[in-house]
Amino acid sequence: MKKRLISMAAMLLLMLAIIPAAFADVTYPAPGDIPVGGTLDHLVAIVSASSAQATEGTLPPGILLETSSGSDGLYIYLRGTPSAVGSYDCVINVDGTRTIICPVNVIPTSPSVTAGPGVKCQPGGEAVVSVTASTTDGGSLSYQWYSNPNNNSSSGSLISGATSSSYQAGTALAGTTYYYCVVTNTNKGQSVSVTSSAIPVTVEALSVSSISVQTMPAKIEYTVGDTLDSTGLLIYVNYSNGSSDVLSQGFDLYPTRLGRAGAQTIEVSYGGKTCTFSVNVEQAEEEIQGIGVLTLPDKTEYAPGETLDTTGLSIRVYTNNGHRDVYSGLACSPTSFDKPGSHTITVSYGGKTCTFAVSVVKEVSAVSLAVSKLPDKTVYTIGDTLDTAGLTLKLTDSSGKTQKISSEFRCTPTKLETAGRQEIVVSYGELECRFSVTVEETEAEASPQASAEPLPDLSPAPEEESSPAHKSSNGKVLVIIIIIAAVLALLGLGAYVYIMNREGADKLADKLEELISRFRRH
């Protein structure tokens, strides 16, 4: 009996464990916010029950509880279109034994917003931007305007106080500014906002149609060199939109410096248009303020004792009326020069002075002439003409300076007709110098040859005695013959040596002269 009771207790416990598992519920999260007029189709739970019933007054207006049976239980739905804003806790009774609560939050409807058109105007014109907004849930609409230099509806700046459906934009400056409005629908403490598209407002720069002088400046009498004074000048401006304005500044004037005498027309420019007025300019009495050398004289180098030559000298005269150039009537000091060196010349004009410098140098004269380089050709044949190619002279002046001279000199003689060393005189100006050339015979004479026949015996016969006079005569003849023979032999020997050794005509002539002098001494 005891065992049976234990078995029954175990079965009862098993049934109690199985029954809750068979009737377990599955509940789903609450739906998200749904706007008024939106569609709600939300599965609340799947329960093991035969029916479900919503408690009266807990469902949002327009929302119904619907159920359907499935293999795994009863499906419970909330479906419909909510028509009132609010936060609702939907209480669902299941078989009168269980309660499921599903919160539903109904939010206001997003307002419908339409942005007005863009606006174009000129500076100072009227530019009103606006939006049209509406809501279907009976909520309250509010507005906030923003401005933006860029064409977008997200990065603008809030305009304080601009909280109506329209806004009057500023038009003082030319350019384009974009405006947008954030419209908010508020219902039962909940709000939904919508941003309009950007509305451009373009302020177009006015173009000037014409200008004219309305009031002349206070000062219209001037002196040459004065600067224009526009104080009191008013100009009348007509714009392309038909508006007008009177301006006392912001315009340009030309010329502003009055540089010539007589009636002077002044041009006024504004907005691409011009008008003119006239002033009177008188020539002021000239006042020389300074002078300066414009061009130096043609001659700036002198010798001691010479007189200043001002040909070519000119100065620039600076006055209160500008400047002018003077080419004559100039007083200069000093005008003569005694000492070498640099001399400062003072120019005077109209009580003002300026200076320039001249140089006084001693007269330089040539003092010596010498041969610096011999001509290329220094050996000639009798009858040749002197060739001075290559001849260079050195000219020294009184200051010690030297220069090379290779032309414009004279040589004497130029025709070489005498054999031997020939001195050439070179003349340049009043100076002379000399050099020598060698002049040779046309053909060298042949040297005497030894005779095969014996020379006649010129000595007196032994048996014959000569008188003293005869002996003296014979001796002189013999000496002459010997000298002539020796000279001929030397000439032939010299020609031979010259041809063989080519040592030059000068050495040959020297040798011949030396030999001849020896024979004469004997």
Protein backbone atom coordinates (compact mmCIF):
# COMPACT_ATOMS: atom_id res chain seq x y z
CA MET A 1 0.00 0.00 0.00
CA LYS A 2 2.73 2.31 0.83
CA LYS A 3 4.46 1.60 -2.47
CA ARG A 4 1.22 2.35 -4.35
CA LEU A 5 0.93 5.72 -2.66
CA ILE A 6 4.47 6.56 -3.56
CA SER A 7 3.86 5.60 -7.20
CA MET A 8 0.73 7.74 -7.41
CA ALA A 9 2.57 10.69 -5.92
CA ALA A 10 5.34 10.35 -8.52
CA MET A 11 2.81 10.24 -11.38
CA LEU A 12 1.07 13.32 -10.02
CA LEU A 13 4.34 15.20 -9.87
CA LEU A 14 5.17 14.14 -13.43
CA MET A 15 1.79 15.40 -14.70
CA LEU A 16 2.27 18.69 -12.91
CA ALA A 17 5.62 19.03 -14.62
CA ILE A 18 4.26 18.17 -18.08
CA ILE A 19 1.13 20.36 -18.02
CA PRO A 20 2.96 23.79 -17.68
CA ALA A 21 5.29 22.79 -20.50
CA ALA A 22 2.40 22.00 -22.76
CA PHE A 23 0.73 25.38 -22.09
CA ALA A 24 3.88 27.69 -22.25
CA ASP A 25 3.29 31.20 -23.87
CA VAL A 26 5.56 33.03 -26.37
CA THR A 27 5.39 36.85 -26.05
CA TYR A 28 6.97 39.21 -28.65
CA PRO A 29 8.48 42.69 -28.04
CA ALA A 30 6.29 45.74 -28.31
CA PRO A 31 6.03 47.42 -31.75
CA GLY A 32 7.91 50.61 -32.48
CA ASP A 33 6.39 54.09 -32.62
CA ILE A 34 3.59 54.33 -35.12
CA PRO A 35 2.27 57.68 -36.39
CA VAL A 36 -1.37 58.57 -36.47
CA GLY A 37 -2.79 57.20 -39.71
CA GLY A 38 -0.05 54.62 -39.97
CA THR A 39 -0.69 50.87 -40.29
CA LEU A 40 -0.15 48.54 -37.31
CA ASP A 41 0.12 44.78 -37.87
CA HIS A 42 1.86 43.35 -34.82
CA LEU A 43 2.00 39.74 -33.47
CA VAL A 44 1.73 40.09 -29.71
CA ALA A 45 2.05 36.46 -28.57
CA ILE A 46 1.43 32.77 -29.29
CA VAL A 47 -0.36 31.10 -26.37
CA SER A 48 -1.80 27.69 -25.63
CA ALA A 49 -5.35 28.82 -25.17
CA SER A 50 -8.62 28.62 -27.00
CA SER A 51 -9.45 32.34 -26.85
CA ALA A 52 -8.10 35.81 -26.10
CA GLN A 53 -9.98 38.95 -25.20
CA ALA A 54 -8.79 42.57 -24.81
CA THR A 55 -9.87 44.47 -21.76
CA GLU A 56 -12.26 47.24 -22.73
CA GLY A 57 -10.74 50.71 -23.19
CA THR A 58 -7.11 49.65 -23.30
CA LEU A 59 -6.60 49.54 -27.08
CA PRO A 60 -5.67 52.71 -29.07
CA PRO A 61 -8.49 54.12 -31.18
CA GLY A 62 -8.48 52.39 -34.54
CA ILE A 63 -6.60 49.29 -33.29
CA LEU A 64 -8.35 45.88 -32.94
CA LEU A 65 -7.38 42.59 -31.30
CA GLU A 66 -7.39 39.69 -33.75
CA THR A 67 -6.64 35.98 -33.19
CA SER A 68 -6.01 32.94 -35.30
CA SER A 69 -5.35 29.29 -34.43
CA GLY A 70 -2.24 27.50 -35.37
CA SER A 71 -0.61 24.14 -34.76
CA ASP A 72 1.40 25.52 -31.90
CA GLY A 73 -1.28 27.65 -30.21
CA LEU A 74 -3.37 30.75 -30.46
CA TYR A 75 -1.88 33.70 -32.41
CA ILE A 76 -2.79 37.11 -30.96
CA TYR A 77 -2.45 40.27 -33.17
CA LEU A 78 -2.95 44.02 -32.81
CA ARG A 79 -4.05 45.41 -36.19
CA GLY A 80 -5.48 48.62 -37.58
CA THR A 81 -4.78 52.32 -38.13
CA PRO A 82 -4.33 54.40 -34.95
CA SER A 83 -6.19 57.68 -35.01
CA ALA A 84 -5.08 59.35 -31.79
CA VAL A 85 -1.70 60.23 -30.36
CA GLY A 86 -0.86 58.64 -27.05
CA SER A 87 0.97 55.95 -25.17
CA TYR A 88 -1.24 52.89 -24.67
CA ASP A 89 -0.83 49.70 -22.64
CA CYS A 90 -2.92 47.12 -24.46
CA VAL A 91 -4.16 44.57 -21.81
CA ILE A 92 -5.04 41.18 -23.33
CA ASN A 93 -6.89 38.54 -21.24
CA VAL A 94 -6.26 34.91 -22.24
CA ASP A 95 -9.01 32.48 -21.18
CA GLY A 96 -9.62 34.63 -18.13
CA THR A 97 -6.55 33.08 -16.55
CA ARG A 98 -3.59 35.00 -17.94
CA THR A 99 -2.94 38.68 -18.87
CA ILE A 100 -0.55 39.93 -21.53
CA ILE A 101 0.33 43.65 -21.66
CA CYS A 102 1.65 45.13 -24.98
CA PRO A 103 2.63 48.87 -24.96
CA VAL A 104 1.81 50.83 -28.18
CA ASN A 105 3.07 54.40 -28.70
CA VAL A 106 1.19 56.45 -31.28
CA ILE A 107 3.10 59.54 -32.34
CA PRO A 108 1.98 62.64 -34.25
CA THR A 109 1.87 62.60 -38.03
CA SER A 110 4.85 64.20 -39.86
CA PRO A 111 3.64 67.52 -41.20
CA SER A 112 3.37 68.01 -44.95
CA VAL A 113 5.75 70.88 -45.90
CA THR A 114 6.03 72.65 -49.27
CA ALA A 115 8.73 75.32 -49.77
CA GLY A 116 7.88 78.51 -51.64
CA PRO A 117 9.75 79.71 -54.75
CA GLY A 118 13.10 81.49 -54.81
CA VAL A 119 13.27 85.28 -54.84
CA LYS A 120 15.33 87.72 -56.93
CA CYS A 121 15.59 91.39 -56.13
CA GLN A 122 17.99 94.32 -56.15
CA PRO A 123 19.72 95.80 -53.10
CA GLY A 124 17.16 97.14 -50.67
CA GLY A 125 14.31 95.28 -52.35
CA GLU A 126 11.79 93.03 -50.63
CA ALA A 127 12.45 89.28 -50.44
CA VAL A 128 9.97 87.08 -48.53
CA VAL A 129 10.42 83.33 -48.29
CA SER A 130 7.68 81.01 -47.05
CA VAL A 131 6.54 77.41 -46.55
CA THR A 132 3.10 75.80 -46.57
CA ALA A 133 2.60 73.09 -43.91
CA SER A 134 -0.31 70.94 -42.69
CA THR A 135 -1.05 67.92 -40.44
CA THR A 136 -3.90 65.42 -40.26
CA ASP A 137 -3.75 64.54 -36.58
CA GLY A 138 -4.94 67.83 -35.19
CA GLY A 139 -1.53 68.68 -33.80
CA SER A 140 -0.01 72.15 -33.48
CA LEU A 141 2.56 73.31 -36.08
CA SER A 142 5.61 75.50 -35.25
CA TYR A 143 8.31 77.00 -37.50
CA GLN A 144 12.03 77.85 -37.31
CA TRP A 145 13.99 79.46 -40.20
CA TYR A 146 17.70 78.98 -41.00
CA SER A 147 20.07 80.77 -43.42
CA ASN A 148 22.89 79.17 -45.35
CA PRO A 149 25.47 80.51 -47.84
CA ASN A 150 25.49 77.00 -49.38
CA ASN A 151 22.71 75.27 -51.23
CA ASN A 152 21.66 72.69 -48.62
CA SER A 153 19.17 72.25 -45.76
CA SER A 154 21.47 70.93 -43.10
CA SER A 155 24.36 73.26 -42.25
CA GLY A 156 22.63 76.61 -41.90
CA SER A 157 22.52 79.07 -39.01
CA LEU A 158 19.40 79.54 -36.89
CA ILE A 159 17.72 82.93 -37.41
CA SER A 160 16.60 84.20 -34.04
CA GLY A 161 12.93 85.22 -33.98
CA ALA A 162 12.14 83.74 -37.40
CA THR A 163 9.33 81.42 -36.18
CA SER A 164 6.46 81.91 -38.59
CA SER A 165 5.62 80.25 -41.89
CA SER A 166 7.30 83.14 -43.78
CA TYR A 167 10.44 85.20 -43.35
CA GLN A 168 11.58 88.51 -44.85
CA ALA A 169 15.22 88.10 -45.90
CA GLY A 170 17.78 90.90 -45.81
CA THR A 171 18.77 92.41 -49.19
CA ALA A 172 21.44 94.95 -48.33
CA LEU A 173 24.28 93.03 -50.00
CA ALA A 174 24.44 91.58 -53.48
CA GLY A 175 24.72 87.79 -53.73
CA THR A 176 22.72 84.61 -53.13
CA THR A 177 21.69 83.24 -49.70
CA TYR A 178 19.68 80.06 -49.10
CA TYR A 179 16.90 79.77 -46.51
CA TYR A 180 15.06 76.70 -45.16
CA CYS A 181 12.44 76.09 -42.47
CA VAL A 182 12.07 73.27 -39.91
CA VAL A 183 8.31 72.63 -39.31
CA THR A 184 7.38 70.76 -36.10
CA ASN A 185 4.02 69.02 -35.40
CA THR A 186 3.33 68.75 -31.66
CA ASN A 187 0.46 66.63 -30.32
CA LYS A 188 -0.12 65.54 -26.71
CA GLY A 189 3.41 66.36 -25.73
CA GLN A 190 5.01 64.52 -28.65
CA SER A 191 6.69 66.25 -31.60
CA VAL A 192 7.72 65.35 -35.14
CA SER A 193 9.77 67.73 -37.36
CA VAL A 194 10.24 68.03 -41.14
CA THR A 195 12.81 70.26 -42.90
CA SER A 196 11.87 72.11 -46.07
CA SER A 197 14.08 72.32 -49.16
CA ALA A 198 16.40 75.35 -49.51
CA ILE A 199 14.91 78.51 -50.97
CA PRO A 200 17.40 80.82 -52.79
CA VAL A 201 17.25 84.58 -52.39
CA THR A 202 19.40 86.38 -54.98
CA VAL A 203 20.16 90.06 -54.53
CA GLU A 204 21.29 91.37 -57.92
CA ALA A 205 23.75 94.25 -58.04
CA LEU A 206 22.22 97.40 -59.41
CA SER A 207 23.58 98.72 -62.70
CA VAL A 208 24.04 102.43 -63.16
CA SER A 209 22.09 103.99 -66.01
CA SER A 210 23.57 107.49 -65.82
CA ILE A 211 25.28 109.99 -63.52
CA SER A 212 25.38 113.78 -63.42
CA VAL A 213 26.82 116.53 -61.26
CA GLN A 214 24.22 117.74 -58.81
CA THR A 215 26.43 120.13 -56.81
CA MET A 216 29.82 121.54 -57.86
CA PRO A 217 32.77 121.25 -55.45
CA ALA A 218 33.46 124.19 -53.18
CA LYS A 219 36.83 124.96 -54.85
CA ILE A 220 37.03 125.52 -58.61
CA GLU A 221 39.96 128.03 -58.83
CA TYR A 222 43.48 126.54 -58.81
CA THR A 223 47.13 127.25 -59.58
CA VAL A 224 49.25 125.01 -61.82
CA GLY A 225 50.60 122.14 -59.72
CA ASP A 226 47.69 122.10 -57.23
CA THR A 227 45.76 118.93 -56.33
CA LEU A 228 42.02 118.77 -57.01
CA ASP A 229 39.77 119.15 -53.95
CA SER A 230 36.40 117.35 -54.31
CA THR A 231 34.91 118.67 -51.06
CA GLY A 232 31.24 119.56 -51.64
CA LEU A 233 30.89 117.63 -54.91
CA LEU A 234 27.62 115.67 -55.18
CA ILE A 235 26.63 113.41 -58.07
CA TYR A 236 23.16 112.19 -58.98
CA VAL A 237 22.97 108.47 -59.85
CA ASN A 238 20.19 106.77 -61.81
CA TYR A 239 19.93 102.95 -61.48
CA SER A 240 18.56 100.35 -63.88
CA ASN A 241 15.60 99.59 -61.59
CA GLY A 242 14.43 103.19 -61.81
CA SER A 243 15.76 104.17 -58.40
CA SER A 244 18.27 106.99 -57.85
CA ASP A 245 20.73 108.19 -55.27
CA VAL A 246 22.93 111.17 -54.45
CA LEU A 247 26.57 110.36 -53.64
CA SER A 248 29.29 112.46 -52.04
CA GLN A 249 31.98 109.81 -52.24
CA GLY A 250 32.84 106.47 -53.87
CA PHE A 251 33.37 107.98 -57.33
CA ASP A 252 36.68 108.54 -59.18
CA LEU A 253 38.06 111.86 -60.48
CA TYR A 254 40.61 112.49 -63.23
CA PRO A 255 42.95 114.32 -63.34
CA THR A 256 43.63 115.03 -59.69
CA ARG A 257 46.86 116.98 -60.28
CA LEU A 258 46.37 120.15 -62.29
CA GLY A 259 49.49 120.56 -64.36
CA ARG A 260 48.57 123.07 -67.05
CA ALA A 261 47.01 126.52 -67.10
CA GLY A 262 43.54 127.28 -68.45
CA ALA A 263 40.13 125.67 -68.16
CA GLN A 264 40.57 122.06 -67.00
CA THR A 265 37.87 119.42 -67.56
CA ILE A 266 37.48 116.98 -64.66
CA GLU A 267 35.95 113.58 -65.42
CA VAL A 268 33.78 111.85 -62.77
CA SER A 269 33.42 108.03 -63.02
CA TYR A 270 30.97 105.80 -61.16
CA GLY A 271 29.47 102.41 -62.02
CA GLY A 272 30.90 102.51 -65.53
CA LYS A 273 29.28 105.88 -66.31
CA THR A 274 30.93 109.32 -66.54
CA CYS A 275 30.12 112.98 -66.33
CA THR A 276 32.32 116.12 -66.24
CA PHE A 277 32.74 119.54 -64.73
CA SER A 278 35.35 122.28 -65.23
CA VAL A 279 37.76 124.19 -63.00
CA ASN A 280 40.02 127.14 -63.79
CA VAL A 281 43.81 126.72 -63.45
CA GLU A 282 46.14 129.74 -63.42
CA GLN A 283 49.87 129.75 -64.04
CA ALA A 284 51.79 130.50 -60.86
CA GLU A 285 54.84 132.77 -60.92
CA GLU A 286 57.83 130.56 -61.56
CA GLU A 287 60.09 129.87 -58.64
CA ILE A 288 63.34 128.06 -59.39
CA GLN A 289 63.93 125.43 -56.76
CA GLY A 290 67.09 123.83 -58.13
CA ILE A 291 69.12 123.00 -61.24
CA GLY A 292 71.14 119.99 -62.41
CA VAL A 293 73.40 119.13 -65.34
CA LEU A 294 71.38 117.45 -68.10
CA THR A 295 74.17 116.93 -70.68
CA LEU A 296 77.92 117.56 -70.32
CA PRO A 297 79.85 119.75 -72.79
CA ASP A 298 81.25 118.00 -75.85
CA LYS A 299 84.79 118.76 -74.63
CA THR A 300 85.82 117.80 -71.11
CA GLU A 301 89.63 117.45 -71.54
CA TYR A 302 91.92 120.46 -71.86
CA ALA A 303 95.58 121.42 -71.99
CA PRO A 304 97.00 124.10 -69.68
CA GLY A 305 96.12 127.55 -70.99
CA GLU A 306 93.03 126.49 -72.92
CA THR A 307 89.60 128.13 -72.42
CA LEU A 308 86.40 126.35 -71.42
CA ASP A 309 84.14 125.36 -74.33
CA THR A 310 80.48 124.98 -73.23
CA THR A 311 79.21 123.62 -76.53
CA GLY A 312 76.74 120.79 -75.76
CA LEU A 313 76.19 121.81 -72.11
CA SER A 314 72.56 121.85 -70.91
CA ILE A 315 70.83 121.88 -67.52
CA ARG A 316 67.42 120.92 -66.14
CA VAL A 317 65.67 123.64 -64.15
CA TYR A 318 63.27 122.47 -61.42
CA THR A 319 60.51 124.94 -60.55
CA ASN A 320 57.29 125.07 -58.58
CA ASN A 321 55.53 124.41 -61.92
CA GLY A 322 57.54 121.32 -62.83
CA HIS A 323 60.80 121.41 -64.78
CA ARG A 324 62.24 122.69 -68.04
CA ASP A 325 65.55 122.29 -69.89
CA VAL A 326 67.96 125.16 -70.66
CA TYR A 327 70.64 124.98 -73.37
CA SER A 328 72.04 128.54 -73.45
CA GLY A 329 72.65 131.58 -71.27
CA LEU A 330 74.54 129.58 -68.68
CA ALA A 331 77.26 131.21 -66.56
CA CYS A 332 80.26 128.95 -65.87
CA SER A 333 83.29 129.45 -63.65
CA PRO A 334 86.25 129.07 -64.06
CA THR A 335 86.63 129.41 -67.81
CA SER A 336 90.44 129.00 -68.16
CA PHE A 337 92.92 126.48 -66.82
CA ASP A 338 96.57 126.90 -65.83
CA LYS A 339 97.34 123.77 -63.88
CA PRO A 340 96.90 120.13 -64.80
CA GLY A 341 94.39 118.03 -62.85
CA SER A 342 90.64 117.79 -62.32
CA HIS A 343 88.79 121.11 -62.27
CA THR A 344 85.24 121.65 -60.93
CA ILE A 345 83.13 123.93 -63.11
CA THR A 346 80.25 125.73 -61.39
CA VAL A 347 77.16 126.46 -63.52
CA SER A 348 74.91 129.32 -62.33
CA TYR A 349 71.30 129.95 -63.42
CA GLY A 350 68.44 131.79 -61.71
CA GLY A 351 70.32 132.02 -58.43
CA LYS A 352 70.94 128.27 -58.28
CA THR A 353 74.13 126.35 -59.04
CA CYS A 354 75.27 122.89 -60.08
CA THR A 355 78.69 121.52 -61.04
CA PHE A 356 80.54 119.22 -63.41
CA ALA A 357 84.23 118.34 -63.80
CA VAL A 358 86.83 118.65 -66.59
CA SER A 359 90.37 117.30 -66.82
CA VAL A 360 93.48 119.40 -67.61
CA VAL A 361 96.49 117.39 -68.76
CA LYS A 362 100.00 118.34 -69.87
CA GLU A 363 100.72 118.17 -73.59
CA VAL A 364 102.46 114.90 -74.36
CA SER A 365 105.18 114.82 -77.07
CA ALA A 366 107.19 112.02 -78.61
CA VAL A 367 110.82 112.02 -77.37
CA SER A 368 112.49 108.91 -78.76
CA LEU A 369 112.18 106.31 -81.49
CA ALA A 370 113.88 102.92 -81.58
CA VAL A 371 113.68 99.70 -83.53
CA SER A 372 111.71 97.16 -81.53
CA LYS A 373 111.79 94.40 -84.14
CA LEU A 374 113.82 94.14 -87.40
CA PRO A 375 112.06 93.51 -90.69
CA ASP A 376 111.52 89.92 -91.70
CA LYS A 377 114.04 90.39 -94.54
CA THR A 378 117.54 91.80 -93.87
CA VAL A 379 119.63 90.26 -96.68
CA TYR A 380 119.30 91.64 -100.20
CA THR A 381 120.98 91.60 -103.59
CA ILE A 382 122.18 94.72 -105.34
CA GLY A 383 119.22 96.36 -107.09
CA ASP A 384 116.56 94.99 -104.65
CA THR A 385 113.93 97.23 -103.05
CA LEU A 386 113.75 97.43 -99.29
CA ASP A 387 110.96 95.27 -97.73
CA THR A 388 109.76 96.65 -94.34
CA ALA A 389 107.33 93.84 -93.58
CA GLY A 390 107.67 92.92 -89.91
CA LEU A 391 109.47 96.12 -88.94
CA THR A 392 108.21 97.43 -85.57
CA LEU A 393 109.28 100.65 -83.84
CA LYS A 394 109.00 101.67 -80.19
CA LEU A 395 107.84 105.27 -79.66
CA THR A 396 108.36 106.82 -76.21
CA ASP A 397 106.55 110.06 -75.21
CA SER A 398 107.35 112.67 -72.61
CA SER A 399 105.15 110.95 -70.01
CA GLY A 400 107.20 107.78 -70.27
CA LYS A 401 104.52 105.83 -72.06
CA THR A 402 105.54 103.69 -75.03
CA GLN A 403 103.67 102.39 -78.01
CA LYS A 404 104.40 100.08 -80.92
CA ILE A 405 104.55 101.57 -84.42
CA SER A 406 104.25 99.23 -87.40
CA SER A 407 103.12 101.64 -90.15
CA GLU A 408 103.22 105.25 -91.39
CA PHE A 409 107.03 105.50 -91.06
CA ARG A 410 109.51 106.34 -93.88
CA CYS A 411 112.72 104.45 -94.73
CA THR A 412 115.75 105.76 -96.63
CA PRO A 413 117.09 104.41 -98.90
CA THR A 414 114.54 102.08 -100.38
CA LYS A 415 116.65 101.08 -103.40
CA LEU A 416 119.69 99.01 -102.40
CA GLU A 417 122.49 99.56 -104.99
CA THR A 418 125.68 99.22 -102.94
CA ALA A 419 127.11 95.90 -101.78
CA GLY A 420 127.96 95.43 -98.12
CA ARG A 421 126.41 96.65 -94.90
CA GLN A 422 123.71 99.20 -95.71
CA GLU A 423 122.33 101.54 -93.02
CA ILE A 424 118.61 102.29 -93.29
CA VAL A 425 117.26 105.50 -91.72
CA VAL A 426 113.68 105.24 -90.38
CA SER A 427 111.70 108.47 -89.89
CA TYR A 428 108.45 108.85 -87.91
CA GLY A 429 107.30 112.41 -87.42
CA GLU A 430 110.40 114.34 -86.48
CA LEU A 431 112.16 111.36 -84.91
CA GLU A 432 114.63 108.96 -86.54
CA CYS A 433 116.23 105.61 -85.79
CA ARG A 434 118.41 103.20 -87.82
CA PHE A 435 119.01 99.58 -88.63
CA SER A 436 121.30 97.74 -91.09
CA VAL A 437 120.76 95.24 -93.87
CA THR A 438 123.29 93.26 -95.97
CA VAL A 439 123.49 93.83 -99.71
CA GLU A 440 125.29 91.14 -101.78
CA GLU A 441 126.74 91.11 -105.30
CA THR A 442 124.52 89.78 -108.01
CA GLU A 443 126.94 86.84 -108.69
CA ALA A 444 130.03 85.94 -106.69
CA GLU A 445 133.30 85.90 -108.82
CA ALA A 446 135.03 82.56 -109.23
CA SER A 447 138.19 81.98 -107.17
CA PRO A 448 141.51 81.77 -109.13
CA GLN A 449 142.55 78.27 -110.26
CA ALA A 450 146.09 76.88 -110.23
CA SER A 451 147.71 76.96 -113.74
CA ALA A 452 149.36 73.89 -115.20
CA GLU A 453 151.98 76.07 -116.79
CA PRO A 454 154.68 77.57 -114.61
CA LEU A 455 154.36 81.24 -113.89
CA PRO A 456 156.93 83.43 -115.63
CA ASP A 457 159.95 84.27 -113.64
CA LEU A 458 159.55 87.89 -112.84
CA SER A 459 162.81 88.16 -110.97
CA PRO A 460 165.79 89.80 -112.86
CA ALA A 461 168.31 87.57 -114.62
CA PRO A 462 171.39 86.98 -112.56
CA GLU A 463 173.70 88.26 -115.20
CA GLU A 464 171.83 91.42 -115.69
CA GLU A 465 171.89 94.12 -113.18
CA SER A 466 169.14 96.62 -113.03
CA SER A 467 169.41 100.16 -112.17
CA PRO A 468 168.03 101.23 -108.85
CA ALA A 469 165.05 102.90 -110.54
CA HIS A 470 164.28 99.78 -112.52
CA LYS A 471 164.50 97.58 -109.43
CA SER A 472 162.15 99.81 -107.55
CA SER A 473 159.63 99.76 -110.39
CA ASN A 474 159.80 96.02 -110.72
CA GLY A 475 159.29 95.57 -106.97
CA LYS A 476 156.18 97.70 -106.94
CA VAL A 477 154.68 95.80 -109.84
CA LEU A 478 155.37 92.54 -108.11
CA VAL A 479 153.72 93.73 -104.92
CA ILE A 480 150.63 94.88 -106.86
CA ILE A 481 150.38 91.58 -108.68
CA ILE A 482 150.66 89.68 -105.41
CA ILE A 483 147.99 91.82 -103.78
CA ILE A 484 145.60 91.39 -106.70
CA ALA A 485 146.13 87.65 -106.68
CA ALA A 486 145.59 87.49 -102.94
CA VAL A 487 142.40 89.54 -103.15
CA LEU A 488 141.04 87.31 -105.90
CA ALA A 489 141.95 84.25 -103.93
CA LEU A 490 140.28 85.63 -100.82
CA LEU A 491 137.14 86.54 -102.76
CA GLY A 492 136.92 83.03 -104.14
CA LEU A 493 137.62 81.56 -100.73
CA GLY A 494 134.98 83.79 -99.11
CA ALA A 495 132.38 82.84 -101.72
CA TYR A 496 133.22 79.20 -101.18
CA VAL A 497 132.96 79.50 -97.40
CA TYR A 498 129.66 81.36 -97.68
CA ILE A 499 128.18 78.79 -100.02
CA MET A 500 129.42 75.86 -97.94
CA ASN A 501 128.64 77.18 -94.48
CA ARG A 502 125.98 79.79 -95.18
CA GLU A 503 127.14 81.85 -92.25
CA GLY A 504 125.86 85.05 -93.79
CA ALA A 505 127.15 87.95 -95.81
CA ASP A 506 128.12 89.92 -92.75
CA LYS A 507 130.78 87.40 -91.62
CA LEU A 508 132.13 87.07 -95.16
CA ALA A 509 132.49 90.82 -95.51
CA ASP A 510 134.19 91.06 -92.15
CA LYS A 511 136.67 88.33 -93.08
CA LEU A 512 137.48 89.97 -96.40
CA GLU A 513 138.05 93.33 -94.81
CA GLU A 514 140.31 91.72 -92.20
CA LEU A 515 142.39 89.91 -94.85
CA ILE A 516 142.70 92.99 -97.06
CA SER A 517 143.82 95.08 -94.12
CA ARG A 518 146.50 92.47 -93.32
CA PHE A 519 147.81 92.56 -96.87
CA ARG A 520 147.91 96.32 -96.82
CA ARG A 521 149.96 96.26 -93.65
CA HIS A 522 152.44 93.99 -95.37
